[in-house]
Amino acid sequence: MTYFAPDTLSQAINPWSWMFKSSDNSTGLININTYKSGNPTLEHRIIHEVAGYGMQLSAIEALLEVMLQLMPKTELTREQQDKIDEFKGMMEAIRTHKEKSLLEEFSPGGVEELIHRLALLEEKDPGLYEKVVGRLKKVL
């Protein structure tokens, strides 16, 4: 049975507590945890210190693609090949969305954000700013 409510729902009752991080590093008046974990503290450390879910999934995707390239196609049933084709279609759709997102960074708003960040970098770390500008000049 599918439920639409999260397994865990928490709300800070103390009005000042939202200003400080809770034990699980969440912030805000209402924090919703929609996943189950045998060790939430460890999971939190992994996704924040090692790799987030997106990076983990990308690594799994890349590995599966290599394995699919090495797998003999003649030994597959039609159902197995359909599942592989479905997986490849999903990965292609994800790549398309990622590419679209990258291209949106070069929209007028994205370029303005880059200019703003460069100005901030120039102010806060002139040495690094010079390295970044030098690199940009080489490719432009």
C-alpha atoms as a PDB file:
ATOM      1  CA  MET A   1       0.000   0.000   0.000  1.00  0.00           C
ATOM      2  CA  THR A   2       1.339   3.444  -0.892  1.00  0.00           C
ATOM      3  CA  TYR A   3       1.172   6.187   1.702  1.00  0.00           C
ATOM      4  CA  PHE A   4       1.452   9.844   0.878  1.00  0.00           C
ATOM      5  CA  ALA A   5       2.504  10.916   4.352  1.00  0.00           C
ATOM      6  CA  PRO A   6       6.156  10.762   5.435  1.00  0.00           C
ATOM      7  CA  ASP A   7       7.326   8.226   7.986  1.00  0.00           C
ATOM      8  CA  THR A   8       8.726  11.014  10.169  1.00  0.00           C
ATOM      9  CA  LEU A   9       7.387  14.520  10.682  1.00  0.00           C
ATOM     10  CA  SER A  10       8.947  16.916  13.160  1.00  0.00           C
ATOM     11  CA  GLN A  11       8.145  20.463  14.146  1.00  0.00           C
ATOM     12  CA  ALA A  12      10.105  22.691  16.474  1.00  0.00           C
ATOM     13  CA  ILE A  13       7.856  23.864  19.290  1.00  0.00           C
ATOM     14  CA  ASN A  14      10.412  26.209  20.832  1.00  0.00           C
ATOM     15  CA  PRO A  15      10.321  29.307  18.563  1.00  0.00           C
ATOM     16  CA  TRP A  16      14.061  29.871  19.062  1.00  0.00           C
ATOM     17  CA  SER A  17      15.134  26.331  18.223  1.00  0.00           C
ATOM     18  CA  TRP A  18      14.669  26.836  14.471  1.00  0.00           C
ATOM     19  CA  MET A  19      17.614  29.233  14.515  1.00  0.00           C
ATOM     20  CA  PHE A  20      20.005  26.478  15.535  1.00  0.00           C
ATOM     21  CA  LYS A  21      20.811  23.205  13.824  1.00  0.00           C
ATOM     22  CA  SER A  22      19.124  20.169  15.291  1.00  0.00           C
ATOM     23  CA  SER A  23      20.934  16.905  15.985  1.00  0.00           C
ATOM     24  CA  ASP A  24      20.398  15.796  12.370  1.00  0.00           C
ATOM     25  CA  ASN A  25      21.608  19.148  10.934  1.00  0.00           C
ATOM     26  CA  SER A  26      18.163  20.087   9.626  1.00  0.00           C
ATOM     27  CA  THR A  27      16.974  23.658   9.880  1.00  0.00           C
ATOM     28  CA  GLY A  28      13.566  25.268   9.831  1.00  0.00           C
ATOM     29  CA  LEU A  29      10.337  25.105  11.738  1.00  0.00           C
ATOM     30  CA  ILE A  30       9.159  21.931  10.001  1.00  0.00           C
ATOM     31  CA  ASN A  31      11.493  19.182   8.797  1.00  0.00           C
ATOM     32  CA  ILE A  32      10.171  16.197   6.877  1.00  0.00           C
ATOM     33  CA  ASN A  33      12.191  13.017   6.534  1.00  0.00           C
ATOM     34  CA  THR A  34      10.713  10.850   3.770  1.00  0.00           C
ATOM     35  CA  TYR A  35      13.201   7.991   3.836  1.00  0.00           C
ATOM     36  CA  LYS A  36      13.848   5.128   6.198  1.00  0.00           C
ATOM     37  CA  SER A  37      17.332   4.456   7.430  1.00  0.00           C
ATOM     38  CA  GLY A  38      18.761   2.022   9.934  1.00  0.00           C
ATOM     39  CA  ASN A  39      21.339   4.643  10.887  1.00  0.00           C
ATOM     40  CA  PRO A  40      20.188   8.189   9.971  1.00  0.00           C
ATOM     41  CA  THR A  41      23.293   9.827  11.463  1.00  0.00           C
ATOM     42  CA  LEU A  42      25.611   7.709   9.331  1.00  0.00           C
ATOM     43  CA  GLU A  43      23.476   8.277   6.234  1.00  0.00           C
ATOM     44  CA  HIS A  44      23.544  12.029   6.846  1.00  0.00           C
ATOM     45  CA  ARG A  45      27.347  11.980   7.144  1.00  0.00           C
ATOM     46  CA  ILE A  46      27.703   9.946   3.951  1.00  0.00           C
ATOM     47  CA  ILE A  47      25.494  12.198   1.827  1.00  0.00           C
ATOM     48  CA  HIS A  48      27.143  15.349   3.172  1.00  0.00           C
ATOM     49  CA  GLU A  49      30.783  14.216   3.458  1.00  0.00           C
ATOM     50  CA  VAL A  50      31.202  11.517   0.794  1.00  0.00           C
ATOM     51  CA  ALA A  51      28.617  11.735  -1.973  1.00  0.00           C
ATOM     52  CA  GLY A  52      25.030  12.931  -2.229  1.00  0.00           C
ATOM     53  CA  TYR A  53      22.334  10.751  -3.726  1.00  0.00           C
ATOM     54  CA  GLY A  54      22.770  12.242  -7.186  1.00  0.00           C
ATOM     55  CA  MET A  55      26.508  11.524  -7.232  1.00  0.00           C
ATOM     56  CA  GLN A  56      25.898   7.987  -5.979  1.00  0.00           C
ATOM     57  CA  LEU A  57      23.294   7.361  -8.674  1.00  0.00           C
ATOM     58  CA  SER A  58      25.554   8.809 -11.369  1.00  0.00           C
ATOM     59  CA  ALA A  59      28.349   6.420 -10.350  1.00  0.00           C
ATOM     60  CA  ILE A  60      25.944   3.469 -10.406  1.00  0.00           C
ATOM     61  CA  GLU A  61      24.649   4.564 -13.824  1.00  0.00           C
ATOM     62  CA  ALA A  62      28.176   4.789 -15.242  1.00  0.00           C
ATOM     63  CA  LEU A  63      29.081   1.361 -13.881  1.00  0.00           C
ATOM     64  CA  LEU A  64      25.908  -0.210 -15.247  1.00  0.00           C
ATOM     65  CA  GLU A  65      26.557   1.277 -18.677  1.00  0.00           C
ATOM     66  CA  VAL A  66      30.039  -0.259 -18.726  1.00  0.00           C
ATOM     67  CA  MET A  67      28.620  -3.608 -17.644  1.00  0.00           C
ATOM     68  CA  LEU A  68      25.940  -3.437 -20.343  1.00  0.00           C
ATOM     69  CA  GLN A  69      28.580  -2.771 -22.979  1.00  0.00           C
ATOM     70  CA  LEU A  70      30.474  -5.889 -21.891  1.00  0.00           C
ATOM     71  CA  MET A  71      27.430  -8.157 -21.597  1.00  0.00           C
ATOM     72  CA  PRO A  72      26.766 -10.522 -24.510  1.00  0.00           C
ATOM     73  CA  LYS A  73      23.473  -9.467 -26.094  1.00  0.00           C
ATOM     74  CA  THR A  74      22.622 -12.841 -27.640  1.00  0.00           C
ATOM     75  CA  GLU A  75      21.886 -14.506 -24.298  1.00  0.00           C
ATOM     76  CA  LEU A  76      19.146 -12.076 -23.288  1.00  0.00           C
ATOM     77  CA  THR A  77      15.441 -12.754 -23.367  1.00  0.00           C
ATOM     78  CA  ARG A  78      13.129 -10.175 -24.960  1.00  0.00           C
ATOM     79  CA  GLU A  79      11.952  -9.162 -21.469  1.00  0.00           C
ATOM     80  CA  GLN A  80      15.533  -8.652 -20.293  1.00  0.00           C
ATOM     81  CA  GLN A  81      16.385  -6.584 -23.374  1.00  0.00           C
ATOM     82  CA  ASP A  82      13.239  -4.482 -22.820  1.00  0.00           C
ATOM     83  CA  LYS A  83      14.399  -3.715 -19.260  1.00  0.00           C
ATOM     84  CA  ILE A  84      17.828  -2.712 -20.555  1.00  0.00           C
ATOM     85  CA  ASP A  85      16.254  -0.493 -23.218  1.00  0.00           C
ATOM     86  CA  GLU A  86      14.034   1.100 -20.568  1.00  0.00           C
ATOM     87  CA  PHE A  87      17.086   1.777 -18.382  1.00  0.00           C
ATOM     88  CA  LYS A  88      19.001   3.288 -21.311  1.00  0.00           C
ATOM     89  CA  GLY A  89      16.016   5.486 -22.164  1.00  0.00           C
ATOM     90  CA  MET A  90      15.812   6.736 -18.588  1.00  0.00           C
ATOM     91  CA  MET A  91      19.542   7.495 -18.538  1.00  0.00           C
ATOM     92  CA  GLU A  92      19.260   9.378 -21.844  1.00  0.00           C
ATOM     93  CA  ALA A  93      16.379  11.450 -20.441  1.00  0.00           C
ATOM     94  CA  ILE A  94      18.457  12.253 -17.350  1.00  0.00           C
ATOM     95  CA  ARG A  95      21.419  13.297 -19.545  1.00  0.00           C
ATOM     96  CA  THR A  96      19.113  15.517 -21.597  1.00  0.00           C
ATOM     97  CA  HIS A  97      17.843  17.241 -18.443  1.00  0.00           C
ATOM     98  CA  LYS A  98      21.394  17.720 -17.143  1.00  0.00           C
ATOM     99  CA  GLU A  99      22.510  19.229 -20.459  1.00  0.00           C
ATOM    100  CA  LYS A 100      19.497  21.550 -20.476  1.00  0.00           C
ATOM    101  CA  SER A 101      20.347  22.662 -16.941  1.00  0.00           C
ATOM    102  CA  LEU A 102      23.957  23.361 -17.947  1.00  0.00           C
ATOM    103  CA  LEU A 103      22.802  25.414 -20.920  1.00  0.00           C
ATOM    104  CA  GLU A 104      20.464  27.438 -18.704  1.00  0.00           C
ATOM    105  CA  GLU A 105      23.527  28.583 -16.743  1.00  0.00           C
ATOM    106  CA  PHE A 106      24.515  30.514 -19.875  1.00  0.00           C
ATOM    107  CA  SER A 107      21.221  32.337 -20.121  1.00  0.00           C
ATOM    108  CA  PRO A 108      21.364  36.100 -19.477  1.00  0.00           C
ATOM    109  CA  GLY A 109      20.482  35.485 -15.814  1.00  0.00           C
ATOM    110  CA  GLY A 110      23.151  32.805 -15.499  1.00  0.00           C
ATOM    111  CA  VAL A 111      25.795  35.073 -16.988  1.00  0.00           C
ATOM    112  CA  GLU A 112      24.793  37.860 -14.594  1.00  0.00           C
ATOM    113  CA  GLU A 113      25.190  35.412 -11.688  1.00  0.00           C
ATOM    114  CA  LEU A 114      28.668  34.484 -12.969  1.00  0.00           C
ATOM    115  CA  ILE A 115      29.619  38.161 -13.181  1.00  0.00           C
ATOM    116  CA  HIS A 116      28.344  38.720  -9.643  1.00  0.00           C
ATOM    117  CA  ARG A 117      30.346  35.738  -8.348  1.00  0.00           C
ATOM    118  CA  LEU A 118      33.490  36.925 -10.118  1.00  0.00           C
ATOM    119  CA  ALA A 119      33.128  40.376  -8.521  1.00  0.00           C
ATOM    120  CA  LEU A 120      32.735  38.723  -5.122  1.00  0.00           C
ATOM    121  CA  LEU A 121      35.762  36.517  -5.768  1.00  0.00           C
ATOM    122  CA  GLU A 122      37.816  39.554  -6.783  1.00  0.00           C
ATOM    123  CA  GLU A 123      36.912  41.229  -3.501  1.00  0.00           C
ATOM    124  CA  LYS A 124      37.409  38.191  -1.237  1.00  0.00           C
ATOM    125  CA  ASP A 125      40.317  36.352  -2.912  1.00  0.00           C
ATOM    126  CA  PRO A 126      42.192  38.475  -5.493  1.00  0.00           C
ATOM    127  CA  GLY A 127      44.803  35.763  -6.122  1.00  0.00           C
ATOM    128  CA  LEU A 128      42.245  33.135  -7.017  1.00  0.00           C
ATOM    129  CA  TYR A 129      40.322  35.737  -9.008  1.00  0.00           C
ATOM    130  CA  GLU A 130      43.396  36.375 -11.185  1.00  0.00           C
ATOM    131  CA  LYS A 131      43.809  32.623 -11.808  1.00  0.00           C
ATOM    132  CA  VAL A 132      40.143  32.246 -12.788  1.00  0.00           C
ATOM    133  CA  VAL A 133      40.221  35.299 -15.068  1.00  0.00           C
ATOM    134  CA  GLY A 134      43.430  34.044 -16.679  1.00  0.00           C
ATOM    135  CA  ARG A 135      41.805  30.680 -17.355  1.00  0.00           C
ATOM    136  CA  LEU A 136      38.694  32.333 -18.783  1.00  0.00           C
ATOM    137  CA  LYS A 137      40.795  34.531 -21.073  1.00  0.00           C
ATOM    138  CA  LYS A 138      42.485  31.418 -22.480  1.00  0.00           C
ATOM    139  CA  VAL A 139      39.190  29.831 -23.489  1.00  0.00           C
ATOM    140  CA  LEU A 140      37.345  32.950 -24.657  1.00  0.00           C
END
